[in-house]
N, C-alpha and C. Protein backbone atom coordinates (compact mmCIF):
# COMPACT_ATOMS: atom_id res chain seq x y z
N UNK A 1 24.42 0.84 18.31
CA UNK A 1 23.86 1.23 17.04
C UNK A 1 22.34 1.40 17.14
N UNK A 2 21.69 0.54 17.92
CA UNK A 2 20.25 0.63 18.10
C UNK A 2 19.90 1.95 18.78
N UNK A 3 20.73 2.38 19.73
CA UNK A 3 20.46 3.64 20.43
C UNK A 3 20.52 4.83 19.47
N UNK A 4 21.45 4.81 18.54
CA UNK A 4 21.56 5.90 17.57
C UNK A 4 20.31 5.93 16.68
N UNK A 5 19.85 4.77 16.24
CA UNK A 5 18.65 4.71 15.41
C UNK A 5 17.43 5.21 16.18
N UNK A 6 17.33 4.83 17.45
CA UNK A 6 16.22 5.31 18.28
C UNK A 6 16.29 6.82 18.46
N UNK A 7 17.50 7.35 18.64
CA UNK A 7 17.67 8.79 18.80
C UNK A 7 17.26 9.52 17.52
N UNK A 8 17.66 8.98 16.37
CA UNK A 8 17.27 9.59 15.10
C UNK A 8 15.75 9.60 14.94
N UNK A 9 15.10 8.49 15.31
CA UNK A 9 13.64 8.42 15.22
C UNK A 9 12.99 9.44 16.14
N UNK A 10 13.52 9.58 17.35
CA UNK A 10 12.97 10.55 18.29
C UNK A 10 13.13 11.97 17.77
N UNK A 11 14.27 12.25 17.17
CA UNK A 11 14.50 13.58 16.60
C UNK A 11 13.49 13.85 15.48
N UNK A 12 13.30 12.86 14.61
CA UNK A 12 12.32 13.03 13.52
C UNK A 12 10.92 13.25 14.05
N UNK A 13 10.56 12.49 15.08
CA UNK A 13 9.22 12.63 15.67
C UNK A 13 9.04 14.02 16.28
N UNK A 14 10.12 14.59 16.83
CA UNK A 14 10.03 15.91 17.45
C UNK A 14 9.95 17.04 16.42
N UNK A 15 10.71 16.92 15.35
CA UNK A 15 10.78 18.05 14.42
C UNK A 15 9.79 17.98 13.27
N UNK A 16 9.22 16.83 13.00
CA UNK A 16 8.29 16.71 11.87
C UNK A 16 7.11 17.68 11.98
N UNK A 17 6.45 17.80 13.13
CA UNK A 17 5.33 18.77 13.19
C UNK A 17 5.79 20.20 12.89
N UNK A 18 6.95 20.58 13.37
CA UNK A 18 7.47 21.92 13.09
C UNK A 18 7.71 22.10 11.59
N UNK A 19 8.32 21.10 10.97
CA UNK A 19 8.61 21.19 9.54
C UNK A 19 7.33 21.27 8.71
N UNK A 20 6.32 20.51 9.09
CA UNK A 20 5.04 20.54 8.36
C UNK A 20 4.39 21.92 8.50
N UNK A 21 4.46 22.48 9.69
CA UNK A 21 3.89 23.81 9.90
C UNK A 21 4.64 24.85 9.07
N UNK A 22 5.95 24.74 9.07
CA UNK A 22 6.78 25.67 8.29
C UNK A 22 6.48 25.54 6.79
N UNK A 23 6.33 24.32 6.31
CA UNK A 23 6.03 24.11 4.90
C UNK A 23 4.69 24.75 4.54
N UNK A 24 3.70 24.62 5.43
CA UNK A 24 2.41 25.24 5.19
C UNK A 24 2.52 26.75 5.03
N UNK A 25 3.36 27.37 5.84
CA UNK A 25 3.56 28.82 5.74
C UNK A 25 4.25 29.18 4.43
N UNK A 26 5.18 28.34 4.00
CA UNK A 26 5.88 28.58 2.75
C UNK A 26 4.91 28.50 1.58
N UNK A 27 4.02 27.50 1.60
CA UNK A 27 3.03 27.37 0.52
C UNK A 27 2.16 28.61 0.43
N UNK A 28 1.67 29.05 1.57
CA UNK A 28 0.75 30.18 1.60
C UNK A 28 1.38 31.44 1.03
N UNK A 29 2.67 31.60 1.21
CA UNK A 29 3.36 32.80 0.75
C UNK A 29 3.83 32.70 -0.71
N UNK A 30 3.76 31.52 -1.30
CA UNK A 30 4.27 31.30 -2.65
C UNK A 30 3.21 31.68 -3.68
N UNK A 31 3.54 32.61 -4.56
CA UNK A 31 2.59 33.10 -5.56
C UNK A 31 2.15 32.00 -6.52
N UNK A 32 3.07 31.17 -6.97
CA UNK A 32 2.72 30.10 -7.89
C UNK A 32 1.74 29.13 -7.23
N UNK A 33 1.98 28.82 -5.96
CA UNK A 33 1.08 27.93 -5.22
C UNK A 33 -0.30 28.56 -5.08
N UNK A 34 -0.33 29.84 -4.74
CA UNK A 34 -1.62 30.53 -4.56
C UNK A 34 -2.42 30.54 -5.87
N UNK A 35 -1.75 30.79 -6.98
CA UNK A 35 -2.43 30.81 -8.28
C UNK A 35 -2.96 29.43 -8.64
N UNK A 36 -2.15 28.41 -8.42
CA UNK A 36 -2.56 27.04 -8.71
C UNK A 36 -3.74 26.63 -7.84
N UNK A 37 -3.70 26.99 -6.58
CA UNK A 37 -4.78 26.67 -5.65
C UNK A 37 -6.07 27.39 -6.05
N UNK A 38 -5.95 28.64 -6.46
CA UNK A 38 -7.12 29.41 -6.90
C UNK A 38 -7.75 28.77 -8.13
N UNK A 39 -6.93 28.37 -9.08
CA UNK A 39 -7.43 27.71 -10.29
C UNK A 39 -8.16 26.41 -9.93
N UNK A 40 -7.56 25.62 -9.06
CA UNK A 40 -8.18 24.36 -8.64
C UNK A 40 -9.53 24.62 -7.97
N UNK A 41 -9.60 25.65 -7.13
CA UNK A 41 -10.85 25.98 -6.44
C UNK A 41 -11.94 26.38 -7.44
N UNK A 42 -11.57 27.17 -8.43
CA UNK A 42 -12.56 27.59 -9.44
C UNK A 42 -13.08 26.40 -10.24
N UNK A 43 -12.19 25.51 -10.62
CA UNK A 43 -12.61 24.32 -11.37
C UNK A 43 -13.50 23.44 -10.50
N UNK A 44 -13.13 23.30 -9.23
CA UNK A 44 -13.96 22.51 -8.32
C UNK A 44 -15.36 23.09 -8.19
N UNK A 45 -15.46 24.38 -8.03
CA UNK A 45 -16.78 25.02 -7.91
C UNK A 45 -17.61 24.81 -9.17
N UNK A 46 -16.98 24.95 -10.30
CA UNK A 46 -17.69 24.74 -11.57
C UNK A 46 -18.18 23.30 -11.68
N UNK A 47 -17.32 22.36 -11.35
CA UNK A 47 -17.69 20.94 -11.39
C UNK A 47 -18.79 20.64 -10.37
N UNK A 48 -18.63 21.16 -9.18
CA UNK A 48 -19.56 20.87 -8.08
C UNK A 48 -20.99 21.32 -8.40
N UNK A 49 -21.11 22.40 -9.16
CA UNK A 49 -22.43 22.91 -9.53
C UNK A 49 -23.18 21.96 -10.45
N UNK A 50 -22.47 21.08 -11.12
CA UNK A 50 -23.12 20.18 -12.07
C UNK A 50 -23.48 18.82 -11.46
N UNK A 51 -23.10 18.60 -10.22
CA UNK A 51 -23.28 17.28 -9.59
C UNK A 51 -24.53 17.21 -8.73
N UNK A 52 -25.05 16.01 -8.61
CA UNK A 52 -26.15 15.77 -7.67
C UNK A 52 -25.58 15.81 -6.25
N UNK A 53 -26.45 15.84 -5.26
CA UNK A 53 -26.01 15.84 -3.87
C UNK A 53 -25.17 14.59 -3.56
N UNK A 54 -25.61 13.46 -4.06
CA UNK A 54 -24.88 12.21 -3.83
C UNK A 54 -23.48 12.26 -4.47
N UNK A 55 -23.41 12.79 -5.68
CA UNK A 55 -22.13 12.90 -6.36
C UNK A 55 -21.21 13.90 -5.65
N UNK A 56 -21.80 14.99 -5.14
CA UNK A 56 -21.02 15.97 -4.39
C UNK A 56 -20.41 15.33 -3.14
N UNK A 57 -21.19 14.52 -2.46
CA UNK A 57 -20.73 13.83 -1.25
C UNK A 57 -19.58 12.88 -1.60
N UNK A 58 -19.73 12.14 -2.66
CA UNK A 58 -18.69 11.21 -3.10
C UNK A 58 -17.41 11.95 -3.47
N UNK A 59 -17.56 13.05 -4.20
CA UNK A 59 -16.40 13.85 -4.57
C UNK A 59 -15.71 14.42 -3.33
N UNK A 60 -16.48 14.88 -2.37
CA UNK A 60 -15.92 15.42 -1.13
C UNK A 60 -15.14 14.34 -0.38
N UNK A 61 -15.69 13.13 -0.33
CA UNK A 61 -14.99 12.01 0.32
C UNK A 61 -13.69 11.69 -0.40
N UNK A 62 -13.73 11.75 -1.73
CA UNK A 62 -12.51 11.52 -2.52
C UNK A 62 -11.44 12.55 -2.17
N UNK A 63 -11.82 13.83 -2.16
CA UNK A 63 -10.84 14.88 -1.86
C UNK A 63 -10.30 14.75 -0.44
N UNK A 64 -11.13 14.37 0.49
CA UNK A 64 -10.66 14.18 1.87
C UNK A 64 -9.61 13.07 1.93
N UNK A 65 -9.90 11.95 1.27
CA UNK A 65 -8.94 10.84 1.25
C UNK A 65 -7.67 11.22 0.50
N UNK A 66 -7.82 11.91 -0.61
CA UNK A 66 -6.66 12.31 -1.39
C UNK A 66 -5.79 13.31 -0.62
N UNK A 67 -6.40 14.28 0.04
CA UNK A 67 -5.64 15.25 0.83
C UNK A 67 -4.90 14.58 1.97
N UNK A 68 -5.52 13.58 2.59
CA UNK A 68 -4.84 12.83 3.65
C UNK A 68 -3.61 12.11 3.10
N UNK A 69 -3.74 11.56 1.90
CA UNK A 69 -2.61 10.88 1.26
C UNK A 69 -1.49 11.86 0.93
N UNK A 70 -1.85 13.02 0.43
CA UNK A 70 -0.85 14.04 0.11
C UNK A 70 -0.13 14.51 1.38
N UNK A 71 -0.88 14.71 2.45
CA UNK A 71 -0.27 15.13 3.72
C UNK A 71 0.71 14.07 4.22
N UNK A 72 0.32 12.82 4.13
CA UNK A 72 1.20 11.74 4.55
C UNK A 72 2.46 11.70 3.68
N UNK A 73 2.28 11.88 2.37
CA UNK A 73 3.42 11.89 1.46
C UNK A 73 4.40 13.01 1.82
N UNK A 74 3.87 14.20 2.09
CA UNK A 74 4.73 15.32 2.46
C UNK A 74 5.50 15.02 3.75
N UNK A 75 4.82 14.44 4.71
CA UNK A 75 5.48 14.10 5.98
C UNK A 75 6.59 13.09 5.75
N UNK A 76 6.31 12.06 4.95
CA UNK A 76 7.32 11.03 4.68
C UNK A 76 8.52 11.61 3.93
N UNK A 77 8.27 12.51 2.99
CA UNK A 77 9.36 13.14 2.24
C UNK A 77 10.22 13.98 3.19
N UNK A 78 9.60 14.75 4.06
CA UNK A 78 10.35 15.54 5.03
C UNK A 78 11.18 14.64 5.93
N UNK A 79 10.56 13.58 6.42
CA UNK A 79 11.29 12.68 7.30
C UNK A 79 12.47 12.03 6.58
N UNK A 80 12.27 11.63 5.33
CA UNK A 80 13.37 11.02 4.59
C UNK A 80 14.48 12.04 4.37
N UNK A 81 14.11 13.27 4.07
CA UNK A 81 15.12 14.32 3.91
C UNK A 81 15.92 14.52 5.19
N UNK A 82 15.25 14.47 6.32
CA UNK A 82 15.96 14.62 7.60
C UNK A 82 16.83 13.40 7.87
N UNK A 83 16.36 12.22 7.52
CA UNK A 83 17.19 11.00 7.68
C UNK A 83 18.47 11.15 6.86
N UNK A 84 18.30 11.60 5.62
CA UNK A 84 19.44 11.79 4.75
C UNK A 84 20.41 12.80 5.36
N UNK A 85 19.88 13.89 5.90
CA UNK A 85 20.69 14.93 6.52
C UNK A 85 21.45 14.36 7.72
N UNK A 86 20.77 13.59 8.56
CA UNK A 86 21.41 13.04 9.75
C UNK A 86 22.48 12.00 9.40
N UNK A 87 22.37 11.42 8.23
CA UNK A 87 23.36 10.42 7.81
C UNK A 87 24.58 11.02 7.14
N UNK A 88 24.58 12.33 6.92
CA UNK A 88 25.74 12.98 6.29
C UNK A 88 26.94 12.96 7.19
């Protein structure tokens, strides 16, 4: 049983980068995603113009940390989906 679990983990480790890359391509081609991203960028630019240099730096650090969290969440969701698939 341990060998099967190790095999499943190895499979997830091998395919996760591919799945993340594929998801990125899907996002880029999705019109709703592109529109939402464009809106977010415009709001960010408007907000950024009103901030001091120190506040801009803090906001940039926040977005970096938040984006890292979102990327991790996406990876975990993909991996869980694959676990569920392998358990069928």
